[in-house]
């Protein structure tokens, strides 16, 4: 099983002068779900090299056993420091792709032509894709072969308006994931803020928030095993 994980290269939270990036749990949890299942993992990002970590995600209150495992894993950290450039990735080399969230993807991956084309190529190839938390927002410009939005009529989830409100960034982010996906015709579902919620619709797997990261990765493996 060859798994591609795509991370953001964006490190600035709008014009707030605060830092952002990928959310640690949303990388660490699926990383070990895949690794412990024997997968070969490749990490990629638009700019390559070390992707920015949202510093808030490494604060004590957001640490988990898996984030601590990752930060103590020298091999994993070395791999993270050398992500490959997204424009060098070929879908044919992988069985699936997983997109962790964090706020960063809303600024770069959501509009990145390489990311958009990559997701479309996975879909055309009939391979499953998974995105968690803010990452479902990167589907906003992804289309079906007929030009319709990929998410139109699809059941999915993602970071909710109320969760964004709770972290005080409703007016900072370039768009709200829930509103954007619903506006594109998605069948958006959610549970209470910070609750675990994963939706599987054919080859599309989405998780609502950081707590849903492991479940989304496990669902992806289950779809691959079919």
N, C-alpha and C. Protein backbone atom coordinates (compact mmCIF):
# COMPACT_ATOMS: atom_id res chain seq x y z
N UNK A 1 0.85 -1.20 0.00
CA UNK A 1 0.00 0.00 0.00
C UNK A 1 0.88 1.25 0.00
N UNK A 2 0.74 2.06 -1.02
CA UNK A 2 1.51 3.29 -1.13
C UNK A 2 0.58 4.49 -0.92
N UNK A 3 0.88 5.25 0.14
CA UNK A 3 0.02 6.35 0.55
C UNK A 3 0.74 7.68 0.38
N UNK A 4 0.09 8.62 -0.26
CA UNK A 4 0.59 9.98 -0.38
C UNK A 4 -0.14 10.86 0.63
N UNK A 5 0.61 11.63 1.41
CA UNK A 5 0.02 12.60 2.32
C UNK A 5 0.45 13.99 1.85
N UNK A 6 -0.53 14.86 1.59
CA UNK A 6 -0.26 16.19 1.06
C UNK A 6 -0.48 17.24 2.15
N UNK A 7 0.58 18.02 2.41
CA UNK A 7 0.56 19.03 3.45
C UNK A 7 0.65 20.43 2.86
N UNK A 8 0.21 21.41 3.61
CA UNK A 8 0.26 22.80 3.19
C UNK A 8 1.69 23.35 3.27
N UNK A 9 1.95 24.40 2.49
CA UNK A 9 3.20 25.16 2.61
C UNK A 9 2.93 26.58 3.12
N UNK A 10 1.68 26.87 3.45
CA UNK A 10 1.29 28.23 3.83
C UNK A 10 1.42 28.42 5.34
N UNK A 11 2.07 29.51 5.77
CA UNK A 11 2.37 29.66 7.19
C UNK A 11 1.82 30.92 7.86
N UNK A 12 1.01 31.69 7.15
CA UNK A 12 0.52 32.96 7.72
C UNK A 12 -0.99 32.96 7.82
N UNK A 13 -1.50 33.35 8.98
CA UNK A 13 -2.94 33.34 9.22
C UNK A 13 -3.53 34.67 8.77
N UNK A 14 -3.80 34.76 7.47
CA UNK A 14 -4.35 35.99 6.92
C UNK A 14 -3.43 37.17 7.17
N UNK A 15 -3.99 38.29 7.60
CA UNK A 15 -3.19 39.47 7.89
C UNK A 15 -3.04 39.69 9.39
N UNK A 16 -3.18 38.59 10.17
CA UNK A 16 -3.11 38.69 11.63
C UNK A 16 -1.68 38.69 12.16
N UNK A 17 -0.72 38.35 11.30
CA UNK A 17 0.69 38.19 11.70
C UNK A 17 0.89 36.97 12.60
N UNK A 18 -0.13 36.15 12.71
CA UNK A 18 -0.01 34.91 13.47
C UNK A 18 0.35 33.78 12.51
N UNK A 19 1.01 32.76 13.06
CA UNK A 19 1.46 31.64 12.25
C UNK A 19 0.38 30.57 12.14
N UNK A 20 0.39 29.88 11.02
CA UNK A 20 -0.49 28.73 10.82
C UNK A 20 0.30 27.68 10.05
N UNK A 21 -0.40 26.69 9.52
CA UNK A 21 0.25 25.61 8.80
C UNK A 21 -0.62 24.37 8.86
N UNK A 22 0.01 23.20 8.98
CA UNK A 22 -0.77 21.97 9.14
C UNK A 22 -0.98 21.71 10.63
N UNK A 23 -2.04 20.95 10.94
CA UNK A 23 -2.35 20.64 12.34
C UNK A 23 -1.71 19.29 12.68
N UNK A 24 -0.90 19.28 13.73
CA UNK A 24 -0.06 18.12 14.02
C UNK A 24 -0.83 16.82 14.15
N UNK A 25 -1.92 16.81 14.91
CA UNK A 25 -2.67 15.57 15.10
C UNK A 25 -3.19 15.03 13.78
N UNK A 26 -3.51 15.92 12.86
CA UNK A 26 -4.09 15.49 11.58
C UNK A 26 -3.05 14.88 10.64
N UNK A 27 -1.77 15.09 10.95
CA UNK A 27 -0.71 14.34 10.27
C UNK A 27 -0.32 13.11 11.08
N UNK A 28 -0.07 13.29 12.37
CA UNK A 28 0.46 12.20 13.19
C UNK A 28 -0.50 11.01 13.27
N UNK A 29 -1.78 11.28 13.47
CA UNK A 29 -2.73 10.17 13.63
C UNK A 29 -2.81 9.31 12.38
N UNK A 30 -3.08 9.88 11.20
CA UNK A 30 -3.11 9.03 10.01
C UNK A 30 -1.75 8.43 9.66
N UNK A 31 -0.69 9.17 9.93
CA UNK A 31 0.66 8.67 9.63
C UNK A 31 0.87 7.31 10.29
N UNK A 32 0.49 7.20 11.56
CA UNK A 32 0.71 5.93 12.25
C UNK A 32 -0.36 4.89 11.96
N UNK A 33 -1.56 5.32 11.62
CA UNK A 33 -2.55 4.35 11.14
C UNK A 33 -2.00 3.67 9.89
N UNK A 34 -1.45 4.47 8.98
CA UNK A 34 -0.91 3.90 7.74
C UNK A 34 0.38 3.12 7.99
N UNK A 35 1.28 3.70 8.76
CA UNK A 35 2.57 3.06 9.02
C UNK A 35 2.38 1.72 9.73
N UNK A 36 1.51 1.70 10.73
CA UNK A 36 1.28 0.47 11.49
C UNK A 36 0.56 -0.59 10.65
N UNK A 37 -0.04 -0.16 9.54
CA UNK A 37 -0.68 -1.10 8.62
C UNK A 37 0.29 -1.56 7.54
N UNK A 38 1.54 -1.11 7.65
CA UNK A 38 2.57 -1.54 6.69
C UNK A 38 2.67 -0.72 5.43
N UNK A 39 2.07 0.46 5.43
CA UNK A 39 2.07 1.28 4.22
C UNK A 39 3.42 1.95 3.98
N UNK A 40 3.69 2.23 2.72
CA UNK A 40 4.83 3.06 2.32
C UNK A 40 4.29 4.48 2.17
N UNK A 41 4.81 5.41 2.96
CA UNK A 41 4.26 6.77 3.03
C UNK A 41 5.18 7.77 2.36
N UNK A 42 4.60 8.63 1.53
CA UNK A 42 5.32 9.74 0.93
C UNK A 42 4.65 11.03 1.38
N UNK A 43 5.43 12.00 1.84
CA UNK A 43 4.91 13.31 2.24
C UNK A 43 5.24 14.32 1.16
N UNK A 44 4.25 15.13 0.79
CA UNK A 44 4.45 16.14 -0.25
C UNK A 44 3.84 17.46 0.19
N UNK A 45 4.31 18.54 -0.42
CA UNK A 45 3.77 19.87 -0.17
C UNK A 45 4.04 20.73 -1.39
N UNK A 46 3.31 21.83 -1.58
CA UNK A 46 3.51 22.66 -2.77
C UNK A 46 4.95 23.12 -2.96
N UNK A 47 5.60 23.54 -1.89
CA UNK A 47 6.96 24.07 -2.00
C UNK A 47 8.04 23.03 -1.73
N UNK A 48 7.66 21.86 -1.22
CA UNK A 48 8.64 20.87 -0.83
C UNK A 48 9.35 21.28 0.44
N UNK A 49 10.23 20.40 0.93
CA UNK A 49 10.97 20.71 2.15
C UNK A 49 10.08 20.68 3.38
N UNK A 50 10.51 21.42 4.40
CA UNK A 50 9.80 21.43 5.68
C UNK A 50 8.51 22.24 5.59
N UNK A 51 7.35 21.61 5.76
CA UNK A 51 6.10 22.36 5.78
C UNK A 51 5.90 23.02 7.13
N UNK A 52 5.17 24.13 7.18
CA UNK A 52 4.97 24.82 8.45
C UNK A 52 3.96 24.11 9.35
N UNK A 53 4.34 23.98 10.60
CA UNK A 53 3.44 23.42 11.61
C UNK A 53 2.71 24.55 12.30
N UNK A 54 1.40 24.44 12.41
CA UNK A 54 0.66 25.41 13.21
C UNK A 54 1.14 25.27 14.65
N UNK A 55 1.80 26.28 15.21
CA UNK A 55 2.37 26.13 16.55
C UNK A 55 1.34 25.82 17.62
N UNK A 56 0.12 26.26 17.40
CA UNK A 56 -0.93 25.99 18.40
C UNK A 56 -1.20 24.49 18.52
N UNK A 57 -1.02 23.76 17.42
CA UNK A 57 -1.33 22.33 17.43
C UNK A 57 -0.34 21.52 18.25
N UNK A 58 0.78 22.15 18.61
CA UNK A 58 1.78 21.46 19.43
C UNK A 58 1.74 21.92 20.88
N UNK A 59 0.74 22.72 21.23
CA UNK A 59 0.58 23.12 22.62
C UNK A 59 0.09 21.93 23.45
N UNK A 60 0.41 21.90 24.74
CA UNK A 60 0.08 20.74 25.58
C UNK A 60 -1.38 20.28 25.49
N UNK A 61 -2.32 21.21 25.43
CA UNK A 61 -3.73 20.82 25.43
C UNK A 61 -4.16 20.09 24.16
N UNK A 62 -3.35 20.22 23.09
CA UNK A 62 -3.71 19.56 21.84
C UNK A 62 -2.84 18.35 21.53
N UNK A 63 -1.94 18.02 22.43
CA UNK A 63 -1.09 16.85 22.22
C UNK A 63 -1.84 15.57 22.54
N UNK A 64 -1.49 14.53 21.80
CA UNK A 64 -2.08 13.21 22.01
C UNK A 64 -0.93 12.20 22.06
N UNK A 65 -1.26 10.97 22.34
CA UNK A 65 -0.22 9.93 22.33
C UNK A 65 0.46 9.86 20.96
N UNK A 66 -0.31 10.05 19.90
CA UNK A 66 0.26 9.94 18.57
C UNK A 66 1.07 11.17 18.18
N UNK A 67 0.68 12.36 18.65
CA UNK A 67 1.52 13.53 18.35
C UNK A 67 2.83 13.42 19.11
N UNK A 68 2.77 12.90 20.35
CA UNK A 68 4.02 12.72 21.10
C UNK A 68 4.88 11.64 20.46
N UNK A 69 4.26 10.61 19.93
CA UNK A 69 5.01 9.57 19.23
C UNK A 69 5.72 10.16 18.01
N UNK A 70 5.01 11.04 17.30
CA UNK A 70 5.60 11.64 16.11
C UNK A 70 6.78 12.54 16.46
N UNK A 71 6.61 13.38 17.47
CA UNK A 71 7.68 14.32 17.81
C UNK A 71 8.90 13.62 18.40
N UNK A 72 8.72 12.37 18.84
CA UNK A 72 9.85 11.58 19.34
C UNK A 72 10.44 10.66 18.27
N UNK A 73 9.84 10.66 17.09
CA UNK A 73 10.22 9.75 16.00
C UNK A 73 11.17 10.48 15.05
N UNK A 74 12.46 10.21 15.20
CA UNK A 74 13.46 10.93 14.40
C UNK A 74 13.30 10.65 12.91
N UNK A 75 12.95 9.43 12.55
CA UNK A 75 12.77 9.09 11.14
C UNK A 75 11.58 9.84 10.55
N UNK A 76 10.49 9.93 11.31
CA UNK A 76 9.31 10.64 10.83
C UNK A 76 9.61 12.13 10.66
N UNK A 77 10.32 12.70 11.63
CA UNK A 77 10.65 14.13 11.54
C UNK A 77 11.60 14.41 10.38
N UNK A 78 12.51 13.48 10.11
CA UNK A 78 13.41 13.65 8.98
C UNK A 78 12.64 13.60 7.66
N UNK A 79 11.66 12.72 7.59
CA UNK A 79 10.83 12.63 6.39
C UNK A 79 10.01 13.91 6.21
N UNK A 80 9.49 14.44 7.32
CA UNK A 80 8.70 15.67 7.26
C UNK A 80 9.55 16.85 6.79
N UNK A 81 10.81 16.85 7.17
CA UNK A 81 11.70 17.95 6.80
C UNK A 81 12.04 17.95 5.31
N UNK A 82 11.75 16.85 4.63
CA UNK A 82 12.12 16.71 3.23
C UNK A 82 10.92 16.30 2.37
N UNK A 83 9.78 16.95 2.57
CA UNK A 83 8.63 16.63 1.72
C UNK A 83 8.98 16.91 0.27
N UNK A 84 8.43 16.10 -0.62
CA UNK A 84 8.69 16.29 -2.04
C UNK A 84 7.75 17.35 -2.60
N UNK A 85 8.18 18.01 -3.64
CA UNK A 85 7.35 19.04 -4.26
C UNK A 85 6.13 18.41 -4.91
N UNK A 86 5.00 19.05 -4.72
CA UNK A 86 3.74 18.53 -5.24
C UNK A 86 3.75 18.41 -6.76
N UNK A 87 4.45 19.32 -7.43
CA UNK A 87 4.45 19.28 -8.90
C UNK A 87 5.27 18.12 -9.46
N UNK A 88 5.95 17.36 -8.58
CA UNK A 88 6.72 16.20 -9.04
C UNK A 88 5.97 14.89 -8.83
N UNK A 89 4.79 14.98 -8.24
CA UNK A 89 4.03 13.78 -7.88
C UNK A 89 3.20 13.26 -9.06
N UNK A 90 3.20 11.94 -9.23
CA UNK A 90 2.38 11.28 -10.24
C UNK A 90 1.41 10.34 -9.53
N UNK A 91 0.15 10.55 -9.75
CA UNK A 91 -0.90 9.73 -9.12
C UNK A 91 -0.66 8.24 -9.34
N UNK A 92 -0.09 7.88 -10.48
CA UNK A 92 0.09 6.46 -10.81
C UNK A 92 1.01 5.73 -9.83
N UNK A 93 1.79 6.50 -9.06
CA UNK A 93 2.73 5.89 -8.13
C UNK A 93 2.12 5.58 -6.77
N UNK A 94 0.83 5.88 -6.60
CA UNK A 94 0.20 5.75 -5.28
C UNK A 94 -1.15 5.05 -5.38
N UNK A 95 -1.54 4.44 -4.26
CA UNK A 95 -2.84 3.80 -4.17
C UNK A 95 -3.92 4.75 -3.66
N UNK A 96 -3.49 5.77 -2.92
CA UNK A 96 -4.45 6.68 -2.31
C UNK A 96 -3.74 7.95 -1.88
N UNK A 97 -4.54 8.97 -1.53
CA UNK A 97 -3.98 10.23 -1.03
C UNK A 97 -4.79 10.71 0.17
N UNK A 98 -4.07 11.27 1.15
CA UNK A 98 -4.70 11.78 2.37
C UNK A 98 -4.27 13.23 2.56
N UNK A 99 -5.24 14.11 2.82
CA UNK A 99 -4.96 15.52 3.07
C UNK A 99 -5.26 15.87 4.52
N UNK A 100 -4.24 16.13 5.35
CA UNK A 100 -4.48 16.68 6.68
C UNK A 100 -4.92 18.14 6.56
N UNK A 101 -5.54 18.63 7.62
CA UNK A 101 -5.97 20.02 7.61
C UNK A 101 -5.02 20.95 8.33
N UNK A 102 -5.59 21.80 9.18
CA UNK A 102 -4.91 22.99 9.63
C UNK A 102 -5.44 24.11 8.75
N UNK A 103 -5.26 25.35 9.15
CA UNK A 103 -5.81 26.45 8.35
C UNK A 103 -5.03 26.71 7.06
N UNK A 104 -3.76 26.33 7.04
CA UNK A 104 -2.93 26.61 5.88
C UNK A 104 -3.51 26.22 4.53
N UNK A 105 -4.09 25.01 4.40
CA UNK A 105 -4.60 24.57 3.09
C UNK A 105 -5.64 25.50 2.48
N UNK A 106 -6.35 26.27 3.31
CA UNK A 106 -7.36 27.17 2.77
C UNK A 106 -6.74 28.25 1.89
N UNK A 107 -5.48 28.58 2.16
CA UNK A 107 -4.81 29.62 1.38
C UNK A 107 -4.05 29.07 0.18
N UNK A 108 -3.38 27.91 0.34
CA UNK A 108 -2.59 27.46 -0.81
C UNK A 108 -3.20 26.27 -1.55
N UNK A 109 -3.44 25.16 -0.87
CA UNK A 109 -3.89 23.96 -1.57
C UNK A 109 -5.26 24.13 -2.22
N UNK A 110 -6.12 24.95 -1.64
CA UNK A 110 -7.46 25.15 -2.21
C UNK A 110 -7.41 25.75 -3.61
N UNK A 111 -6.34 26.47 -3.92
CA UNK A 111 -6.22 27.10 -5.24
C UNK A 111 -5.04 26.58 -6.04
N UNK A 112 -4.36 25.57 -5.52
CA UNK A 112 -3.16 25.05 -6.17
C UNK A 112 -3.52 24.14 -7.35
N UNK A 113 -3.08 24.53 -8.55
CA UNK A 113 -3.46 23.76 -9.74
C UNK A 113 -2.91 22.34 -9.70
N UNK A 114 -1.73 22.16 -9.10
CA UNK A 114 -1.17 20.81 -9.01
C UNK A 114 -2.01 19.94 -8.09
N UNK A 115 -2.46 20.51 -6.98
CA UNK A 115 -3.30 19.76 -6.05
C UNK A 115 -4.64 19.42 -6.68
N UNK A 116 -5.24 20.41 -7.33
CA UNK A 116 -6.54 20.20 -7.98
C UNK A 116 -6.44 19.09 -9.03
N UNK A 117 -5.41 19.19 -9.88
CA UNK A 117 -5.23 18.18 -10.92
C UNK A 117 -4.93 16.81 -10.35
N UNK A 118 -4.18 16.78 -9.26
CA UNK A 118 -3.84 15.50 -8.63
C UNK A 118 -5.08 14.81 -8.09
N UNK A 119 -5.91 15.57 -7.39
CA UNK A 119 -7.14 14.98 -6.85
C UNK A 119 -8.03 14.48 -8.00
N UNK A 120 -8.15 15.28 -9.03
CA UNK A 120 -8.97 14.86 -10.17
C UNK A 120 -8.43 13.59 -10.81
N UNK A 121 -7.11 13.44 -10.85
CA UNK A 121 -6.52 12.24 -11.44
C UNK A 121 -6.78 11.01 -10.57
N UNK A 122 -6.75 11.17 -9.25
CA UNK A 122 -7.08 10.06 -8.36
C UNK A 122 -8.53 9.64 -8.55
N UNK A 123 -9.40 10.63 -8.68
CA UNK A 123 -10.82 10.32 -8.87
C UNK A 123 -11.04 9.58 -10.19
N UNK A 124 -10.43 10.07 -11.24
CA UNK A 124 -10.58 9.41 -12.56
C UNK A 124 -10.05 7.98 -12.53
N UNK A 125 -9.01 7.76 -11.74
CA UNK A 125 -8.41 6.43 -11.65
C UNK A 125 -9.20 5.50 -10.73
N UNK A 126 -10.23 6.03 -10.09
CA UNK A 126 -11.05 5.22 -9.19
C UNK A 126 -10.39 4.91 -7.86
N UNK A 127 -9.40 5.72 -7.51
CA UNK A 127 -8.69 5.52 -6.24
C UNK A 127 -9.32 6.37 -5.14
N UNK A 128 -9.35 5.87 -3.91
CA UNK A 128 -9.96 6.63 -2.82
C UNK A 128 -9.10 7.80 -2.38
N UNK A 129 -9.76 8.84 -1.90
CA UNK A 129 -9.09 10.03 -1.37
C UNK A 129 -9.72 10.36 -0.03
N UNK A 130 -8.91 10.91 0.89
CA UNK A 130 -9.44 11.27 2.20
C UNK A 130 -8.92 12.64 2.59
N UNK A 131 -9.78 13.41 3.22
CA UNK A 131 -9.43 14.76 3.65
C UNK A 131 -10.08 15.01 5.01
N UNK A 132 -9.36 15.71 5.89
CA UNK A 132 -9.88 15.89 7.23
C UNK A 132 -9.82 17.35 7.66
N UNK A 133 -10.83 17.76 8.44
CA UNK A 133 -10.92 19.07 9.07
C UNK A 133 -11.05 20.20 8.03
N UNK A 134 -10.04 21.07 7.90
CA UNK A 134 -10.11 22.13 6.89
C UNK A 134 -9.81 21.60 5.48
N UNK A 135 -9.14 20.46 5.40
CA UNK A 135 -8.71 19.96 4.10
C UNK A 135 -9.84 19.71 3.09
N UNK A 136 -11.06 19.32 3.50
CA UNK A 136 -12.11 19.20 2.49
C UNK A 136 -12.33 20.50 1.71
N UNK A 137 -11.90 21.63 2.28
CA UNK A 137 -11.98 22.89 1.55
C UNK A 137 -11.14 22.92 0.30
N UNK A 138 -10.13 22.06 0.20
CA UNK A 138 -9.29 22.05 -1.01
C UNK A 138 -10.05 21.46 -2.19
N UNK A 139 -11.24 20.94 -1.95
CA UNK A 139 -12.07 20.39 -3.03
C UNK A 139 -12.88 21.48 -3.75
N UNK A 140 -12.77 22.73 -3.33
CA UNK A 140 -13.66 23.77 -3.84
C UNK A 140 -13.57 23.97 -5.35
N UNK A 141 -12.39 23.73 -5.94
CA UNK A 141 -12.23 23.91 -7.39
C UNK A 141 -12.04 22.59 -8.14
N UNK A 142 -12.19 21.48 -7.44
CA UNK A 142 -12.04 20.16 -8.05
C UNK A 142 -13.34 19.80 -8.76
N UNK A 143 -13.21 19.34 -10.01
CA UNK A 143 -14.41 19.04 -10.79
C UNK A 143 -14.41 17.61 -11.31
N UNK A 144 -15.60 17.15 -11.66
CA UNK A 144 -15.77 15.89 -12.37
C UNK A 144 -15.40 16.10 -13.83
N UNK A 145 -15.24 15.02 -14.59
CA UNK A 145 -14.91 15.17 -16.01
C UNK A 145 -15.89 16.04 -16.79
N UNK A 146 -17.14 16.11 -16.33
CA UNK A 146 -18.14 16.92 -17.04
C UNK A 146 -18.14 18.37 -16.59
N UNK A 147 -17.22 18.73 -15.70
CA UNK A 147 -17.10 20.11 -15.26
C UNK A 147 -17.90 20.48 -14.03
N UNK A 148 -18.73 19.58 -13.54
CA UNK A 148 -19.49 19.86 -12.33
C UNK A 148 -18.60 19.71 -11.10
N UNK A 149 -18.94 20.38 -10.00
CA UNK A 149 -18.12 20.25 -8.79
C UNK A 149 -18.06 18.80 -8.31
N UNK A 150 -16.88 18.35 -7.93
CA UNK A 150 -16.73 16.97 -7.44
C UNK A 150 -17.66 16.72 -6.26
N UNK A 151 -17.84 17.72 -5.40
CA UNK A 151 -18.60 17.51 -4.17
C UNK A 151 -20.10 17.59 -4.38
N UNK A 152 -20.55 18.01 -5.55
CA UNK A 152 -21.98 18.17 -5.79
C UNK A 152 -22.71 16.84 -5.63
N UNK A 153 -23.68 16.82 -4.71
CA UNK A 153 -24.45 15.61 -4.47
C UNK A 153 -23.73 14.55 -3.67
N UNK A 154 -22.52 14.86 -3.18
CA UNK A 154 -21.74 13.89 -2.41
C UNK A 154 -21.92 14.14 -0.92
N UNK A 155 -21.99 13.06 -0.17
CA UNK A 155 -22.07 13.16 1.28
C UNK A 155 -20.66 13.35 1.84
N UNK A 156 -20.50 14.37 2.67
CA UNK A 156 -19.18 14.63 3.25
C UNK A 156 -19.30 15.49 4.50
N UNK A 157 -18.16 15.76 5.10
CA UNK A 157 -18.08 16.61 6.27
C UNK A 157 -16.80 17.41 6.22
N UNK A 158 -16.57 18.21 7.25
CA UNK A 158 -15.38 19.04 7.33
C UNK A 158 -15.52 19.97 8.52
N UNK A 159 -14.54 20.83 8.71
CA UNK A 159 -14.57 21.76 9.83
C UNK A 159 -15.81 22.64 9.72
N UNK A 160 -16.57 22.71 10.79
CA UNK A 160 -17.88 23.36 10.73
C UNK A 160 -17.80 24.85 11.02
N UNK A 161 -18.86 25.55 10.64
CA UNK A 161 -18.93 26.99 10.94
C UNK A 161 -18.83 27.26 12.44
N UNK A 162 -19.48 26.42 13.24
CA UNK A 162 -19.47 26.65 14.69
C UNK A 162 -18.10 26.36 15.28
N UNK A 163 -17.38 25.40 14.72
CA UNK A 163 -16.02 25.14 15.19
C UNK A 163 -15.09 26.30 14.82
N UNK A 164 -15.28 26.86 13.62
CA UNK A 164 -14.48 28.02 13.22
C UNK A 164 -14.79 29.21 14.11
N UNK A 165 -16.06 29.37 14.44
CA UNK A 165 -16.45 30.45 15.34
C UNK A 165 -15.82 30.25 16.72
N UNK A 166 -15.76 29.01 17.15
CA UNK A 166 -15.21 28.72 18.47
C UNK A 166 -13.73 29.06 18.58
N UNK A 167 -13.00 28.96 17.46
CA UNK A 167 -11.57 29.30 17.49
C UNK A 167 -11.33 30.75 17.09
N UNK A 168 -12.42 31.48 16.83
CA UNK A 168 -12.33 32.91 16.60
C UNK A 168 -11.75 33.34 15.27
N UNK A 169 -11.89 32.48 14.25
CA UNK A 169 -11.26 32.79 12.97
C UNK A 169 -12.24 32.93 11.80
N UNK A 170 -13.51 33.07 12.13
CA UNK A 170 -14.53 33.18 11.09
C UNK A 170 -14.24 34.33 10.12
N UNK A 171 -13.77 35.45 10.65
CA UNK A 171 -13.52 36.63 9.82
C UNK A 171 -12.10 36.66 9.25
N UNK A 172 -11.29 35.65 9.59
CA UNK A 172 -9.89 35.62 9.15
C UNK A 172 -9.70 34.70 7.95
N UNK A 173 -10.33 33.55 7.97
CA UNK A 173 -10.14 32.57 6.90
C UNK A 173 -10.70 33.09 5.57
N UNK A 174 -10.12 32.66 4.44
CA UNK A 174 -10.60 33.13 3.15
C UNK A 174 -12.00 32.63 2.81
N UNK A 175 -12.39 31.52 3.38
CA UNK A 175 -13.76 31.01 3.21
C UNK A 175 -14.03 30.01 4.33
N UNK A 176 -15.32 29.80 4.60
CA UNK A 176 -15.73 28.82 5.60
C UNK A 176 -15.97 27.48 4.91
N UNK A 177 -15.34 26.45 5.41
CA UNK A 177 -15.41 25.14 4.76
C UNK A 177 -16.85 24.66 4.62
N UNK A 178 -17.61 24.72 5.69
CA UNK A 178 -18.99 24.25 5.64
C UNK A 178 -19.81 25.02 4.61
N UNK A 179 -19.76 26.34 4.65
CA UNK A 179 -20.53 27.15 3.70
C UNK A 179 -20.10 26.89 2.26
N UNK A 180 -18.80 26.79 2.05
CA UNK A 180 -18.29 26.60 0.69
C UNK A 180 -18.77 25.28 0.10
N UNK A 181 -18.67 24.21 0.87
CA UNK A 181 -19.06 22.90 0.36
C UNK A 181 -20.56 22.81 0.13
N UNK A 182 -21.33 23.37 1.05
CA UNK A 182 -22.79 23.38 0.86
C UNK A 182 -23.16 24.19 -0.38
N UNK A 183 -22.46 25.32 -0.57
CA UNK A 183 -22.72 26.16 -1.74
C UNK A 183 -22.43 25.45 -3.05
N UNK A 184 -21.53 24.47 -3.01
CA UNK A 184 -21.19 23.70 -4.20
C UNK A 184 -22.11 22.49 -4.40
N UNK A 185 -23.07 22.34 -3.49
CA UNK A 185 -24.05 21.26 -3.64
C UNK A 185 -23.75 20.01 -2.85
N UNK A 186 -22.79 20.08 -1.92
CA UNK A 186 -22.46 18.91 -1.12
C UNK A 186 -23.55 18.63 -0.10
N UNK A 187 -23.68 17.37 0.29
CA UNK A 187 -24.60 16.96 1.34
C UNK A 187 -23.77 16.91 2.62
N UNK A 188 -23.68 18.05 3.28
CA UNK A 188 -22.79 18.24 4.42
C UNK A 188 -23.45 17.78 5.71
N UNK A 189 -22.75 16.94 6.47
CA UNK A 189 -23.27 16.51 7.77
C UNK A 189 -22.23 16.81 8.84
N UNK A 190 -22.69 16.88 10.09
CA UNK A 190 -21.80 17.20 11.20
C UNK A 190 -22.39 16.69 12.50
N UNK A 191 -21.52 16.60 13.49
CA UNK A 191 -21.96 16.29 14.85
C UNK A 191 -21.58 17.48 15.72
N UNK A 192 -21.67 17.33 17.02
CA UNK A 192 -21.34 18.43 17.92
C UNK A 192 -19.88 18.85 17.72
N UNK A 193 -19.59 20.10 18.05
CA UNK A 193 -18.23 20.60 17.91
C UNK A 193 -17.23 19.66 18.58
N UNK A 194 -16.17 19.34 17.84
CA UNK A 194 -15.04 18.52 18.29
C UNK A 194 -15.40 17.05 18.45
N UNK A 195 -16.61 16.67 18.07
CA UNK A 195 -16.97 15.25 18.10
C UNK A 195 -16.37 14.51 16.92
N UNK A 196 -16.21 13.21 17.07
CA UNK A 196 -15.65 12.38 15.98
C UNK A 196 -16.73 12.11 14.95
N UNK A 197 -16.43 12.44 13.70
CA UNK A 197 -17.39 12.24 12.62
C UNK A 197 -16.66 12.03 11.31
N UNK A 198 -16.89 10.88 10.69
CA UNK A 198 -16.28 10.54 9.41
C UNK A 198 -17.37 10.10 8.45
N UNK A 199 -17.27 10.56 7.21
CA UNK A 199 -18.26 10.21 6.20
C UNK A 199 -17.56 9.52 5.03
N UNK A 200 -18.11 8.38 4.62
CA UNK A 200 -17.58 7.67 3.46
C UNK A 200 -18.64 7.69 2.37
N UNK A 201 -18.29 8.26 1.22
CA UNK A 201 -19.17 8.29 0.06
C UNK A 201 -18.38 7.74 -1.12
N UNK A 202 -18.50 6.43 -1.33
CA UNK A 202 -17.73 5.81 -2.40
C UNK A 202 -16.24 5.93 -2.14
N UNK A 203 -15.53 6.59 -3.06
CA UNK A 203 -14.08 6.72 -2.91
C UNK A 203 -13.70 7.99 -2.16
N UNK A 204 -14.68 8.77 -1.69
CA UNK A 204 -14.41 10.01 -0.97
C UNK A 204 -14.65 9.83 0.53
N UNK A 205 -13.60 10.05 1.31
CA UNK A 205 -13.68 9.94 2.76
C UNK A 205 -13.33 11.29 3.37
N UNK A 206 -14.16 11.78 4.29
CA UNK A 206 -13.90 13.06 4.94
C UNK A 206 -14.11 12.95 6.45
N UNK A 207 -13.30 13.72 7.20
CA UNK A 207 -13.42 13.77 8.65
C UNK A 207 -13.68 15.19 9.09
N UNK A 208 -14.44 15.37 10.15
CA UNK A 208 -14.90 16.70 10.55
C UNK A 208 -13.82 17.58 11.17
N UNK A 209 -12.92 17.00 11.94
CA UNK A 209 -12.02 17.81 12.77
C UNK A 209 -10.81 16.97 13.18
N UNK A 210 -9.87 17.53 13.97
CA UNK A 210 -8.69 16.75 14.36
C UNK A 210 -9.02 15.40 15.00
N UNK A 211 -10.05 15.38 15.84
CA UNK A 211 -10.40 14.13 16.53
C UNK A 211 -10.84 13.04 15.58
N UNK A 212 -11.19 13.41 14.37
CA UNK A 212 -11.68 12.45 13.37
C UNK A 212 -10.55 11.90 12.50
N UNK A 213 -9.32 12.33 12.73
CA UNK A 213 -8.21 11.98 11.85
C UNK A 213 -7.93 10.49 11.79
N UNK A 214 -7.84 9.84 12.94
CA UNK A 214 -7.56 8.40 12.95
C UNK A 214 -8.68 7.62 12.29
N UNK A 215 -9.92 7.98 12.61
CA UNK A 215 -11.07 7.27 12.04
C UNK A 215 -11.11 7.42 10.53
N UNK A 216 -10.80 8.61 10.04
CA UNK A 216 -10.80 8.83 8.59
C UNK A 216 -9.73 7.99 7.91
N UNK A 217 -8.55 7.90 8.54
CA UNK A 217 -7.48 7.08 7.98
C UNK A 217 -7.85 5.61 7.99
N UNK A 218 -8.48 5.16 9.07
CA UNK A 218 -8.92 3.77 9.15
C UNK A 218 -9.99 3.48 8.10
N UNK A 219 -10.89 4.45 7.88
CA UNK A 219 -11.91 4.27 6.85
C UNK A 219 -11.28 4.18 5.46
N UNK A 220 -10.23 4.95 5.25
CA UNK A 220 -9.54 4.92 3.97
C UNK A 220 -8.92 3.55 3.73
N UNK A 221 -8.29 2.99 4.73
CA UNK A 221 -7.72 1.66 4.60
C UNK A 221 -8.80 0.62 4.31
N UNK A 222 -9.95 0.79 4.97
CA UNK A 222 -11.05 -0.16 4.75
C UNK A 222 -11.55 -0.09 3.30
N UNK A 223 -11.63 1.12 2.75
CA UNK A 223 -12.06 1.27 1.36
C UNK A 223 -11.03 0.65 0.42
N UNK A 224 -9.77 0.85 0.72
CA UNK A 224 -8.70 0.27 -0.10
C UNK A 224 -8.77 -1.26 -0.10
N UNK A 225 -9.21 -1.84 1.01
CA UNK A 225 -9.22 -3.28 1.15
C UNK A 225 -10.39 -3.96 0.45
N UNK A 226 -11.31 -3.15 -0.04
CA UNK A 226 -12.51 -3.73 -0.68
C UNK A 226 -12.15 -4.41 -2.00
